[in-house]
Amino acid sequence: MVDQGKWLTGVKGMGNSLKSAQFLIDSRIADAARGNIDAYYDLGMAYSSGAAGLDIDLIEAHKWFNLAAVAGSEAAQACRAEIAEDMSAREIATAQAAARAWLRSTERRAA
């Protein structure tokens, strides 16, 4: 998989305390709600690798990589393709539905 990026490196340096890790995840989700492509990618990395105290969740990782990929991130496209190799068609469909639901929910908030 590609490099984890500056954000996740910072998480490792914090000793992975659950409180600070949850703060960072919440912060990146808030950034993602504003359409931040880097936040989408960072969340994909966190869920695909188990960083920031998260359990590995390929469906959630695919969702975030998909959002970043659709927004133009080539790195996210590569990561999405890589984790898709380890997922069933049903899991991929679930991740795609979750990405669409995220977009709908954030569009409503922006309106």
PDB file of N, CA and C in Angstrom:
ATOM      1  N   MET A   1       0.851  -1.183   0.000  1.00  0.00           N
ATOM      2  CA  MET A   1       0.000   0.000   0.000  1.00  0.00           C
ATOM      3  C   MET A   1       0.892   1.240   0.000  1.00  0.00           C
ATOM      4  N   VAL A   2       0.377   2.362  -0.440  1.00  0.00           N
ATOM      5  CA  VAL A   2       1.139   3.602  -0.513  1.00  0.00           C
ATOM      6  C   VAL A   2       1.440   4.134   0.878  1.00  0.00           C
ATOM      7  N   ASP A   3       2.339   5.131   0.919  1.00  0.00           N
ATOM      8  CA  ASP A   3       2.717   5.735   2.198  1.00  0.00           C
ATOM      9  C   ASP A   3       1.497   6.227   2.962  1.00  0.00           C
ATOM     10  N   GLN A   4       1.590   6.174   4.280  1.00  0.00           N
ATOM     11  CA  GLN A   4       0.457   6.542   5.112  1.00  0.00           C
ATOM     12  C   GLN A   4       0.246   8.038   5.229  1.00  0.00           C
ATOM     13  N   GLY A   5       1.142   8.847   4.812  1.00  0.00           N
ATOM     14  CA  GLY A   5       0.911  10.286   4.837  1.00  0.00           C
ATOM     15  C   GLY A   5       1.254  10.915   6.167  1.00  0.00           C
ATOM     16  N   LYS A   6       1.341  12.229   6.138  1.00  0.00           N
ATOM     17  CA  LYS A   6       1.758  12.997   7.310  1.00  0.00           C
ATOM     18  C   LYS A   6       0.806  12.836   8.479  1.00  0.00           C
ATOM     19  N   TRP A   7      -0.474  12.798   8.210  1.00  0.00           N
ATOM     20  CA  TRP A   7      -1.461  12.744   9.289  1.00  0.00           C
ATOM     21  C   TRP A   7      -1.305  11.483  10.117  1.00  0.00           C
ATOM     22  N   LEU A   8      -1.168  10.331   9.469  1.00  0.00           N
ATOM     23  CA  LEU A   8      -1.047   9.088  10.219  1.00  0.00           C
ATOM     24  C   LEU A   8       0.298   8.967  10.906  1.00  0.00           C
ATOM     25  N   THR A   9       1.336   9.540  10.322  1.00  0.00           N
ATOM     26  CA  THR A   9       2.638   9.547  10.982  1.00  0.00           C
ATOM     27  C   THR A   9       2.523  10.282  12.310  1.00  0.00           C
ATOM     28  N   GLY A  10       1.767  11.380  12.309  1.00  0.00           N
ATOM     29  CA  GLY A  10       1.548  12.132  13.540  1.00  0.00           C
ATOM     30  C   GLY A  10       0.806  11.319  14.585  1.00  0.00           C
ATOM     31  N   VAL A  11      -0.112  10.480  14.141  1.00  0.00           N
ATOM     32  CA  VAL A  11      -0.855   9.633  15.072  1.00  0.00           C
ATOM     33  C   VAL A  11       0.087   8.661  15.756  1.00  0.00           C
ATOM     34  N   LYS A  12       0.980   8.053  14.999  1.00  0.00           N
ATOM     35  CA  LYS A  12       1.925   7.103  15.580  1.00  0.00           C
ATOM     36  C   LYS A  12       2.796   7.780  16.625  1.00  0.00           C
ATOM     37  N   GLY A  13       3.210   9.017  16.350  1.00  0.00           N
ATOM     38  CA  GLY A  13       4.074   9.745  17.256  1.00  0.00           C
ATOM     39  C   GLY A  13       3.402  10.110  18.572  1.00  0.00           C
ATOM     40  N   MET A  14       2.104  10.020  18.639  1.00  0.00           N
ATOM     41  CA  MET A  14       1.372  10.376  19.857  1.00  0.00           C
ATOM     42  C   MET A  14       1.218   9.203  20.799  1.00  0.00           C
ATOM     43  N   GLY A  15       1.827   8.078  20.481  1.00  0.00           N
ATOM     44  CA  GLY A  15       1.720   6.940  21.370  1.00  0.00           C
ATOM     45  C   GLY A  15       0.385   6.236  21.259  1.00  0.00           C
ATOM     46  N   ASN A  16      -0.406   6.581  20.253  1.00  0.00           N
ATOM     47  CA  ASN A  16      -1.689   5.932  20.004  1.00  0.00           C
ATOM     48  C   ASN A  16      -2.624   5.924  21.203  1.00  0.00           C
ATOM     49  N   SER A  17      -2.588   6.948  22.031  1.00  0.00           N
ATOM     50  CA  SER A  17      -3.550   6.989  23.113  1.00  0.00           C
ATOM     51  C   SER A  17      -4.942   7.051  22.489  1.00  0.00           C
ATOM     52  N   LEU A  18      -5.861   6.341  23.054  1.00  0.00           N
ATOM     53  CA  LEU A  18      -7.207   6.273  22.472  1.00  0.00           C
ATOM     54  C   LEU A  18      -7.870   7.635  22.393  1.00  0.00           C
ATOM     55  N   LYS A  19      -7.661   8.462  23.400  1.00  0.00           N
ATOM     56  CA  LYS A  19      -8.303   9.775  23.410  1.00  0.00           C
ATOM     57  C   LYS A  19      -7.788  10.650  22.273  1.00  0.00           C
ATOM     58  N   SER A  20      -6.484  10.731  22.108  1.00  0.00           N
ATOM     59  CA  SER A  20      -5.941  11.563  21.037  1.00  0.00           C
ATOM     60  C   SER A  20      -6.237  10.956  19.670  1.00  0.00           C
ATOM     61  N   ALA A  21      -6.225   9.642  19.573  1.00  0.00           N
ATOM     62  CA  ALA A  21      -6.552   8.996  18.302  1.00  0.00           C
ATOM     63  C   ALA A  21      -7.996   9.283  17.919  1.00  0.00           C
ATOM     64  N   GLN A  22      -8.913   9.202  18.878  1.00  0.00           N
ATOM     65  CA  GLN A  22     -10.318   9.493  18.577  1.00  0.00           C
ATOM     66  C   GLN A  22     -10.506  10.943  18.180  1.00  0.00           C
ATOM     67  N   PHE A  23      -9.769  11.842  18.835  1.00  0.00           N
ATOM     68  CA  PHE A  23      -9.831  13.251  18.462  1.00  0.00           C
ATOM     69  C   PHE A  23      -9.395  13.438  17.012  1.00  0.00           C
ATOM     70  N   LEU A  24      -8.312  12.782  16.624  1.00  0.00           N
ATOM     71  CA  LEU A  24      -7.820  12.911  15.248  1.00  0.00           C
ATOM     72  C   LEU A  24      -8.816  12.341  14.243  1.00  0.00           C
ATOM     73  N   ILE A  25      -9.416  11.211  14.553  1.00  0.00           N
ATOM     74  CA  ILE A  25     -10.427  10.627  13.655  1.00  0.00           C
ATOM     75  C   ILE A  25     -11.610  11.584  13.534  1.00  0.00           C
ATOM     76  N   ASP A  26     -12.089  12.073  14.667  1.00  0.00           N
ATOM     77  CA  ASP A  26     -13.225  13.011  14.644  1.00  0.00           C
ATOM     78  C   ASP A  26     -12.887  14.258  13.835  1.00  0.00           C
ATOM     79  N   SER A  27     -11.650  14.737  13.994  1.00  0.00           N
ATOM     80  CA  SER A  27     -11.207  15.912  13.259  1.00  0.00           C
ATOM     81  C   SER A  27     -11.188  15.651  11.758  1.00  0.00           C
ATOM     82  N   ARG A  28     -10.689  14.496  11.348  1.00  0.00           N
ATOM     83  CA  ARG A  28     -10.644  14.169   9.921  1.00  0.00           C
ATOM     84  C   ARG A  28     -12.051  13.932   9.367  1.00  0.00           C
ATOM     85  N   ILE A  29     -12.951  13.386  10.169  1.00  0.00           N
ATOM     86  CA  ILE A  29     -14.337  13.219   9.705  1.00  0.00           C
ATOM     87  C   ILE A  29     -14.972  14.589   9.501  1.00  0.00           C
ATOM     88  N   ALA A  30     -14.707  15.527  10.413  1.00  0.00           N
ATOM     89  CA  ALA A  30     -15.228  16.887  10.243  1.00  0.00           C
ATOM     90  C   ALA A  30     -14.662  17.525   8.976  1.00  0.00           C
ATOM     91  N   ASP A  31     -13.367  17.312   8.724  1.00  0.00           N
ATOM     92  CA  ASP A  31     -12.758  17.829   7.500  1.00  0.00           C
ATOM     93  C   ASP A  31     -13.381  17.166   6.270  1.00  0.00           C
ATOM     94  N   ALA A  32     -13.626  15.878   6.357  1.00  0.00           N
ATOM     95  CA  ALA A  32     -14.248  15.155   5.239  1.00  0.00           C
ATOM     96  C   ALA A  32     -15.652  15.680   4.961  1.00  0.00           C
ATOM     97  N   ALA A  33     -16.363  16.044   6.005  1.00  0.00           N
ATOM     98  CA  ALA A  33     -17.717  16.587   5.829  1.00  0.00           C
ATOM     99  C   ALA A  33     -17.693  17.906   5.066  1.00  0.00           C
ATOM    100  N   ARG A  34     -16.550  18.573   5.079  1.00  0.00           N
ATOM    101  CA  ARG A  34     -16.383  19.813   4.310  1.00  0.00           C
ATOM    102  C   ARG A  34     -15.810  19.537   2.920  1.00  0.00           C
ATOM    103  N   GLY A  35     -15.661  18.237   2.571  1.00  0.00           N
ATOM    104  CA  GLY A  35     -15.190  17.865   1.245  1.00  0.00           C
ATOM    105  C   GLY A  35     -13.684  17.831   1.088  1.00  0.00           C
ATOM    106  N   ASN A  36     -12.946  17.737   2.180  1.00  0.00           N
ATOM    107  CA  ASN A  36     -11.491  17.724   2.139  1.00  0.00           C
ATOM    108  C   ASN A  36     -10.994  16.379   1.606  1.00  0.00           C
ATOM    109  N   ILE A  37     -10.389  16.399   0.426  1.00  0.00           N
ATOM    110  CA  ILE A  37      -9.929  15.171  -0.225  1.00  0.00           C
ATOM    111  C   ILE A  37      -8.853  14.478   0.603  1.00  0.00           C
ATOM    112  N   ASP A  38      -7.952  15.252   1.199  1.00  0.00           N
ATOM    113  CA  ASP A  38      -6.908  14.653   2.031  1.00  0.00           C
ATOM    114  C   ASP A  38      -7.508  13.922   3.227  1.00  0.00           C
ATOM    115  N   ALA A  39      -8.578  14.455   3.778  1.00  0.00           N
ATOM    116  CA  ALA A  39      -9.241  13.790   4.896  1.00  0.00           C
ATOM    117  C   ALA A  39      -9.848  12.470   4.454  1.00  0.00           C
ATOM    118  N   TYR A  40     -10.468  12.457   3.273  1.00  0.00           N
ATOM    119  CA  TYR A  40     -11.001  11.190   2.738  1.00  0.00           C
ATOM    120  C   TYR A  40      -9.880  10.150   2.668  1.00  0.00           C
ATOM    121  N   TYR A  41      -8.774  10.570   2.082  1.00  0.00           N
ATOM    122  CA  TYR A  41      -7.646   9.659   1.901  1.00  0.00           C
ATOM    123  C   TYR A  41      -7.094   9.190   3.251  1.00  0.00           C
ATOM    124  N   ASP A  42      -6.900  10.135   4.169  1.00  0.00           N
ATOM    125  CA  ASP A  42      -6.371   9.786   5.492  1.00  0.00           C
ATOM    126  C   ASP A  42      -7.270   8.783   6.202  1.00  0.00           C
ATOM    127  N   LEU A  43      -8.571   8.970   6.103  1.00  0.00           N
ATOM    128  CA  LEU A  43      -9.497   8.034   6.742  1.00  0.00           C
ATOM    129  C   LEU A  43      -9.425   6.663   6.074  1.00  0.00           C
ATOM    130  N   GLY A  44      -9.287   6.641   4.760  1.00  0.00           N
ATOM    131  CA  GLY A  44      -9.101   5.365   4.066  1.00  0.00           C
ATOM    132  C   GLY A  44      -7.862   4.648   4.555  1.00  0.00           C
ATOM    133  N   MET A  45      -6.772   5.398   4.706  1.00  0.00           N
ATOM    134  CA  MET A  45      -5.532   4.802   5.212  1.00  0.00           C
ATOM    135  C   MET A  45      -5.712   4.286   6.636  1.00  0.00           C
ATOM    136  N   ALA A  46      -6.378   5.061   7.458  1.00  0.00           N
ATOM    137  CA  ALA A  46      -6.565   4.652   8.860  1.00  0.00           C
ATOM    138  C   ALA A  46      -7.372   3.363   8.947  1.00  0.00           C
ATOM    139  N   TYR A  47      -8.466   3.283   8.198  1.00  0.00           N
ATOM    140  CA  TYR A  47      -9.298   2.081   8.253  1.00  0.00           C
ATOM    141  C   TYR A  47      -8.653   0.885   7.559  1.00  0.00           C
ATOM    142  N   SER A  48      -7.831   1.116   6.544  1.00  0.00           N
ATOM    143  CA  SER A  48      -7.216  -0.008   5.844  1.00  0.00           C
ATOM    144  C   SER A  48      -6.019  -0.577   6.595  1.00  0.00           C
ATOM    145  N   SER A  49      -5.418   0.226   7.460  1.00  0.00           N
ATOM    146  CA  SER A  49      -4.210  -0.219   8.158  1.00  0.00           C
ATOM    147  C   SER A  49      -4.405  -0.424   9.654  1.00  0.00           C
ATOM    148  N   GLY A  50      -5.540   0.012  10.180  1.00  0.00           N
ATOM    149  CA  GLY A  50      -5.754  -0.091  11.618  1.00  0.00           C
ATOM    150  C   GLY A  50      -5.027   0.988  12.396  1.00  0.00           C
ATOM    151  N   ALA A  51      -4.661   2.072  11.730  1.00  0.00           N
ATOM    152  CA  ALA A  51      -3.961   3.172  12.406  1.00  0.00           C
ATOM    153  C   ALA A  51      -4.936   3.935  13.301  1.00  0.00           C
ATOM    154  N   ALA A  52      -4.398   4.752  14.151  1.00  0.00           N
ATOM    155  CA  ALA A  52      -5.170   5.623  15.043  1.00  0.00           C
ATOM    156  C   ALA A  52      -6.085   4.829  15.961  1.00  0.00           C
ATOM    157  N   GLY A  53      -5.694   3.611  16.276  1.00  0.00           N
ATOM    158  CA  GLY A  53      -6.482   2.805  17.199  1.00  0.00           C
ATOM    159  C   GLY A  53      -7.736   2.185  16.600  1.00  0.00           C
ATOM    160  N   LEU A  54      -7.895   2.284  15.292  1.00  0.00           N
ATOM    161  CA  LEU A  54      -9.074   1.720  14.635  1.00  0.00           C
ATOM    162  C   LEU A  54      -8.863   0.252  14.311  1.00  0.00           C
ATOM    163  N   ASP A  55      -9.949  -0.489  14.286  1.00  0.00           N
ATOM    164  CA  ASP A  55      -9.902  -1.839  13.753  1.00  0.00           C
ATOM    165  C   ASP A  55      -9.835  -1.735  12.237  1.00  0.00           C
ATOM    166  N   ILE A  56      -9.142  -2.664  11.602  1.00  0.00           N
ATOM    167  CA  ILE A  56      -9.122  -2.688  10.142  1.00  0.00           C
ATOM    168  C   ILE A  56     -10.535  -2.969   9.655  1.00  0.00           C
ATOM    169  N   ASP A  57     -11.011  -2.132   8.748  1.00  0.00           N
ATOM    170  CA  ASP A  57     -12.355  -2.251   8.193  1.00  0.00           C
ATOM    171  C   ASP A  57     -12.263  -1.901   6.709  1.00  0.00           C
ATOM    172  N   LEU A  58     -12.186  -2.931   5.863  1.00  0.00           N
ATOM    173  CA  LEU A  58     -11.979  -2.696   4.436  1.00  0.00           C
ATOM    174  C   LEU A  58     -13.175  -2.030   3.771  1.00  0.00           C
ATOM    175  N   ILE A  59     -14.368  -2.282   4.271  1.00  0.00           N
ATOM    176  CA  ILE A  59     -15.546  -1.624   3.702  1.00  0.00           C
ATOM    177  C   ILE A  59     -15.463  -0.117   3.955  1.00  0.00           C
ATOM    178  N   GLU A  60     -15.161   0.253   5.174  1.00  0.00           N
ATOM    179  CA  GLU A  60     -15.043   1.669   5.512  1.00  0.00           C
ATOM    180  C   GLU A  60     -13.857   2.293   4.770  1.00  0.00           C
ATOM    181  N   ALA A  61     -12.754   1.572   4.683  1.00  0.00           N
ATOM    182  CA  ALA A  61     -11.583   2.074   3.955  1.00  0.00           C
ATOM    183  C   ALA A  61     -11.926   2.295   2.490  1.00  0.00           C
ATOM    184  N   HIS A  62     -12.603   1.350   1.872  1.00  0.00           N
ATOM    185  CA  HIS A  62     -12.982   1.478   0.456  1.00  0.00           C
ATOM    186  C   HIS A  62     -13.883   2.694   0.268  1.00  0.00           C
ATOM    187  N   LYS A  63     -14.802   2.896   1.199  1.00  0.00           N
ATOM    188  CA  LYS A  63     -15.689   4.066   1.123  1.00  0.00           C
ATOM    189  C   LYS A  63     -14.873   5.346   1.048  1.00  0.00           C
ATOM    190  N   TRP A  64     -13.929   5.517   1.969  1.00  0.00           N
ATOM    191  CA  TRP A  64     -13.150   6.751   2.019  1.00  0.00           C
ATOM    192  C   TRP A  64     -12.228   6.878   0.814  1.00  0.00           C
ATOM    193  N   PHE A  65     -11.594   5.777   0.411  1.00  0.00           N
ATOM    194  CA  PHE A  65     -10.751   5.833  -0.784  1.00  0.00           C
ATOM    195  C   PHE A  65     -11.583   6.148  -2.022  1.00  0.00           C
ATOM    196  N   ASN A  66     -12.789   5.615  -2.084  1.00  0.00           N
ATOM    197  CA  ASN A  66     -13.670   5.879  -3.217  1.00  0.00           C
ATOM    198  C   ASN A  66     -14.011   7.370  -3.284  1.00  0.00           C
ATOM    199  N   LEU A  67     -14.338   7.961  -2.147  1.00  0.00           N
ATOM    200  CA  LEU A  67     -14.660   9.391  -2.121  1.00  0.00           C
ATOM    201  C   LEU A  67     -13.460  10.226  -2.583  1.00  0.00           C
ATOM    202  N   ALA A  68     -12.270   9.865  -2.113  1.00  0.00           N
ATOM    203  CA  ALA A  68     -11.068  10.594  -2.529  1.00  0.00           C
ATOM    204  C   ALA A  68     -10.783  10.367  -4.011  1.00  0.00           C
ATOM    205  N   ALA A  69     -10.971   9.145  -4.482  1.00  0.00           N
ATOM    206  CA  ALA A  69     -10.711   8.816  -5.883  1.00  0.00           C
ATOM    207  C   ALA A  69     -11.651   9.577  -6.810  1.00  0.00           C
ATOM    208  N   VAL A  70     -12.922   9.620  -6.455  1.00  0.00           N
ATOM    209  CA  VAL A  70     -13.907  10.341  -7.268  1.00  0.00           C
ATOM    210  C   VAL A  70     -13.562  11.828  -7.321  1.00  0.00           C
ATOM    211  N   ALA A  71     -12.957  12.335  -6.245  1.00  0.00           N
ATOM    212  CA  ALA A  71     -12.567  13.742  -6.186  1.00  0.00           C
ATOM    213  C   ALA A  71     -11.233  13.998  -6.895  1.00  0.00           C
ATOM    214  N   GLY A  72     -10.603  12.942  -7.418  1.00  0.00           N
ATOM    215  CA  GLY A  72      -9.415  13.123  -8.231  1.00  0.00           C
ATOM    216  C   GLY A  72      -8.100  12.618  -7.664  1.00  0.00           C
ATOM    217  N   SER A  73      -8.112  11.956  -6.522  1.00  0.00           N
ATOM    218  CA  SER A  73      -6.867  11.464  -5.931  1.00  0.00           C
ATOM    219  C   SER A  73      -6.420  10.168  -6.607  1.00  0.00           C
ATOM    220  N   GLU A  74      -5.287  10.227  -7.317  1.00  0.00           N
ATOM    221  CA  GLU A  74      -4.757   9.027  -7.961  1.00  0.00           C
ATOM    222  C   GLU A  74      -4.258   8.022  -6.927  1.00  0.00           C
ATOM    223  N   ALA A  75      -3.695   8.514  -5.831  1.00  0.00           N
ATOM    224  CA  ALA A  75      -3.229   7.613  -4.774  1.00  0.00           C
ATOM    225  C   ALA A  75      -4.407   6.827  -4.195  1.00  0.00           C
ATOM    226  N   ALA A  76      -5.528   7.505  -4.015  1.00  0.00           N
ATOM    227  CA  ALA A  76      -6.716   6.832  -3.488  1.00  0.00           C
ATOM    228  C   ALA A  76      -7.243   5.807  -4.481  1.00  0.00           C
ATOM    229  N   GLN A  77      -7.161   6.104  -5.770  1.00  0.00           N
ATOM    230  CA  GLN A  77      -7.588   5.137  -6.781  1.00  0.00           C
ATOM    231  C   GLN A  77      -6.775   3.852  -6.659  1.00  0.00           C
ATOM    232  N   ALA A  78      -5.467   4.002  -6.476  1.00  0.00           N
ATOM    233  CA  ALA A  78      -4.590   2.839  -6.341  1.00  0.00           C
ATOM    234  C   ALA A  78      -4.906   2.056  -5.065  1.00  0.00           C
ATOM    235  N   CYS A  79      -5.127   2.766  -3.969  1.00  0.00           N
ATOM    236  CA  CYS A  79      -5.437   2.100  -2.699  1.00  0.00           C
ATOM    237  C   CYS A  79      -6.779   1.383  -2.771  1.00  0.00           C
ATOM    238  N   ARG A  80      -7.750   2.036  -3.385  1.00  0.00           N
ATOM    239  CA  ARG A  80      -9.077   1.425  -3.530  1.00  0.00           C
ATOM    240  C   ARG A  80      -8.970   0.128  -4.323  1.00  0.00           C
ATOM    241  N   ALA A  81      -8.219   0.146  -5.413  1.00  0.00           N
ATOM    242  CA  ALA A  81      -8.044  -1.052  -6.237  1.00  0.00           C
ATOM    243  C   ALA A  81      -7.332  -2.152  -5.458  1.00  0.00           C
ATOM    244  N   GLU A  82      -6.341  -1.756  -4.672  1.00  0.00           N
ATOM    245  CA  GLU A  82      -5.580  -2.746  -3.910  1.00  0.00           C
ATOM    246  C   GLU A  82      -6.436  -3.451  -2.861  1.00  0.00           C
ATOM    247  N   ILE A  83      -7.202  -2.681  -2.101  1.00  0.00           N
ATOM    248  CA  ILE A  83      -8.005  -3.343  -1.063  1.00  0.00           C
ATOM    249  C   ILE A  83      -9.193  -4.086  -1.661  1.00  0.00           C
ATOM    250  N   ALA A  84      -9.656  -3.654  -2.839  1.00  0.00           N
ATOM    251  CA  ALA A  84     -10.778  -4.338  -3.492  1.00  0.00           C
ATOM    252  C   ALA A  84     -10.421  -5.786  -3.821  1.00  0.00           C
ATOM    253  N   GLU A  85      -9.132  -6.056  -4.010  1.00  0.00           N
ATOM    254  CA  GLU A  85      -8.690  -7.426  -4.283  1.00  0.00           C
ATOM    255  C   GLU A  85      -8.978  -8.361  -3.116  1.00  0.00           C
ATOM    256  N   ASP A  86      -9.076  -7.804  -1.920  1.00  0.00           N
ATOM    257  CA  ASP A  86      -9.326  -8.604  -0.714  1.00  0.00           C
ATOM    258  C   ASP A  86     -10.784  -8.546  -0.264  1.00  0.00           C
ATOM    259  N   MET A  87     -11.654  -8.005  -1.107  1.00  0.00           N
ATOM    260  CA  MET A  87     -13.063  -7.832  -0.747  1.00  0.00           C
ATOM    261  C   MET A  87     -13.955  -8.623  -1.696  1.00  0.00           C
ATOM    262  N   SER A  88     -15.116  -9.021  -1.181  1.00  0.00           N
ATOM    263  CA  SER A  88     -16.110  -9.670  -2.029  1.00  0.00           C
ATOM    264  C   SER A  88     -16.895  -8.600  -2.794  1.00  0.00           C
ATOM    265  N   ALA A  89     -17.595  -9.025  -3.816  1.00  0.00           N
ATOM    266  CA  ALA A  89     -18.434  -8.099  -4.582  1.00  0.00           C
ATOM    267  C   ALA A  89     -19.479  -7.448  -3.675  1.00  0.00           C
ATOM    268  N   ARG A  90     -20.017  -8.200  -2.746  1.00  0.00           N
ATOM    269  CA  ARG A  90     -21.006  -7.663  -1.812  1.00  0.00           C
ATOM    270  C   ARG A  90     -20.397  -6.596  -0.910  1.00  0.00           C
ATOM    271  N   GLU A  91     -19.182  -6.829  -0.432  1.00  0.00           N
ATOM    272  CA  GLU A  91     -18.511  -5.841   0.418  1.00  0.00           C
ATOM    273  C   GLU A  91     -18.234  -4.555  -0.365  1.00  0.00           C
ATOM    274  N   ILE A  92     -17.814  -4.691  -1.609  1.00  0.00           N
ATOM    275  CA  ILE A  92     -17.556  -3.510  -2.441  1.00  0.00           C
ATOM    276  C   ILE A  92     -18.853  -2.742  -2.676  1.00  0.00           C
ATOM    277  N   ALA A  93     -19.924  -3.459  -2.953  1.00  0.00           N
ATOM    278  CA  ALA A  93     -21.224  -2.796  -3.156  1.00  0.00           C
ATOM    279  C   ALA A  93     -21.662  -2.071  -1.889  1.00  0.00           C
ATOM    280  N   THR A  94     -21.428  -2.675  -0.743  1.00  0.00           N
ATOM    281  CA  THR A  94     -21.766  -2.039   0.533  1.00  0.00           C
ATOM    282  C   THR A  94     -20.950  -0.764   0.723  1.00  0.00           C
ATOM    283  N   ALA A  95     -19.658  -0.822   0.395  1.00  0.00           N
ATOM    284  CA  ALA A  95     -18.790   0.354   0.520  1.00  0.00           C
ATOM    285  C   ALA A  95     -19.237   1.462  -0.431  1.00  0.00           C
ATOM    286  N   GLN A  96     -19.601   1.094  -1.647  1.00  0.00           N
ATOM    287  CA  GLN A  96     -20.050   2.094  -2.620  1.00  0.00           C
ATOM    288  C   GLN A  96     -21.353   2.744  -2.166  1.00  0.00           C
ATOM    289  N   ALA A  97     -22.249   1.942  -1.610  1.00  0.00           N
ATOM    290  CA  ALA A  97     -23.507   2.497  -1.090  1.00  0.00           C
ATOM    291  C   ALA A  97     -23.228   3.444   0.073  1.00  0.00           C
ATOM    292  N   ALA A  98     -22.267   3.090   0.924  1.00  0.00           N
ATOM    293  CA  ALA A  98     -21.905   3.950   2.055  1.00  0.00           C
ATOM    294  C   ALA A  98     -21.310   5.270   1.564  1.00  0.00           C
ATOM    295  N   ALA A  99     -20.520   5.232   0.499  1.00  0.00           N
ATOM    296  CA  ALA A  99     -19.949   6.457  -0.064  1.00  0.00           C
ATOM    297  C   ALA A  99     -21.054   7.358  -0.616  1.00  0.00           C
ATOM    298  N   ARG A 100     -22.010   6.763  -1.320  1.00  0.00           N
ATOM    299  CA  ARG A 100     -23.132   7.553  -1.840  1.00  0.00           C
ATOM    300  C   ARG A 100     -23.948   8.159  -0.700  1.00  0.00           C
ATOM    301  N   ALA A 101     -24.172   7.383   0.347  1.00  0.00           N
ATOM    302  CA  ALA A 101     -24.927   7.888   1.502  1.00  0.00           C
ATOM    303  C   ALA A 101     -24.173   9.045   2.166  1.00  0.00           C
ATOM    304  N   TRP A 102     -22.851   8.930   2.271  1.00  0.00           N
ATOM    305  CA  TRP A 102     -22.045  10.018   2.848  1.00  0.00           C
ATOM    306  C   TRP A 102     -22.222  11.288   2.029  1.00  0.00           C
ATOM    307  N   LEU A 103     -22.124  11.159   0.714  1.00  0.00           N
ATOM    308  CA  LEU A 103     -22.271  12.333  -0.150  1.00  0.00           C
ATOM    309  C   LEU A 103     -23.649  12.968  -0.002  1.00  0.00           C
ATOM    310  N   ARG A 104     -24.671  12.138   0.054  1.00  0.00           N
ATOM    311  CA  ARG A 104     -26.032  12.676   0.232  1.00  0.00           C
ATOM    312  C   ARG A 104     -26.163  13.389   1.566  1.00  0.00           C
ATOM    313  N   SER A 105     -25.621  12.814   2.622  1.00  0.00           N
ATOM    314  CA  SER A 105     -25.768  13.424   3.949  1.00  0.00           C
ATOM    315  C   SER A 105     -24.994  14.740   4.043  1.00  0.00           C
ATOM    316  N   THR A 106     -23.818  14.818   3.424  1.00  0.00           N
ATOM    317  CA  THR A 106     -23.044  16.053   3.499  1.00  0.00           C
ATOM    318  C   THR A 106     -23.631  17.120   2.571  1.00  0.00           C
ATOM    319  N   GLU A 107     -24.246  16.725   1.477  1.00  0.00           N
ATOM    320  CA  GLU A 107     -24.903  17.693   0.602  1.00  0.00           C
ATOM    321  C   GLU A 107     -26.093  18.344   1.306  1.00  0.00           C
ATOM    322  N   ARG A 108     -26.829  17.556   2.063  1.00  0.00           N
ATOM    323  CA  ARG A 108     -27.979  18.108   2.807  1.00  0.00           C
ATOM    324  C   ARG A 108     -27.517  19.123   3.842  1.00  0.00           C
ATOM    325  N   ARG A 109     -26.409  18.824   4.532  1.00  0.00           N
ATOM    326  CA  ARG A 109     -25.894  19.735   5.544  1.00  0.00           C
ATOM    327  C   ARG A 109     -25.432  21.042   4.933  1.00  0.00           C
ATOM    328  N   ALA A 110     -24.893  20.974   3.725  1.00  0.00           N
ATOM    329  CA  ALA A 110     -24.368  22.168   3.062  1.00  0.00           C
ATOM    330  C   ALA A 110     -25.489  23.049   2.522  1.00  0.00           C
ATOM    331  N   ALA A 111     -26.636  22.463   2.265  1.00  0.00           N
ATOM    332  CA  ALA A 111     -27.755  23.228   1.663  1.00  0.00           C
ATOM    333  C   ALA A 111     -28.450  24.116   2.643  1.00  0.00           C
TER     334      ALA A 111
END
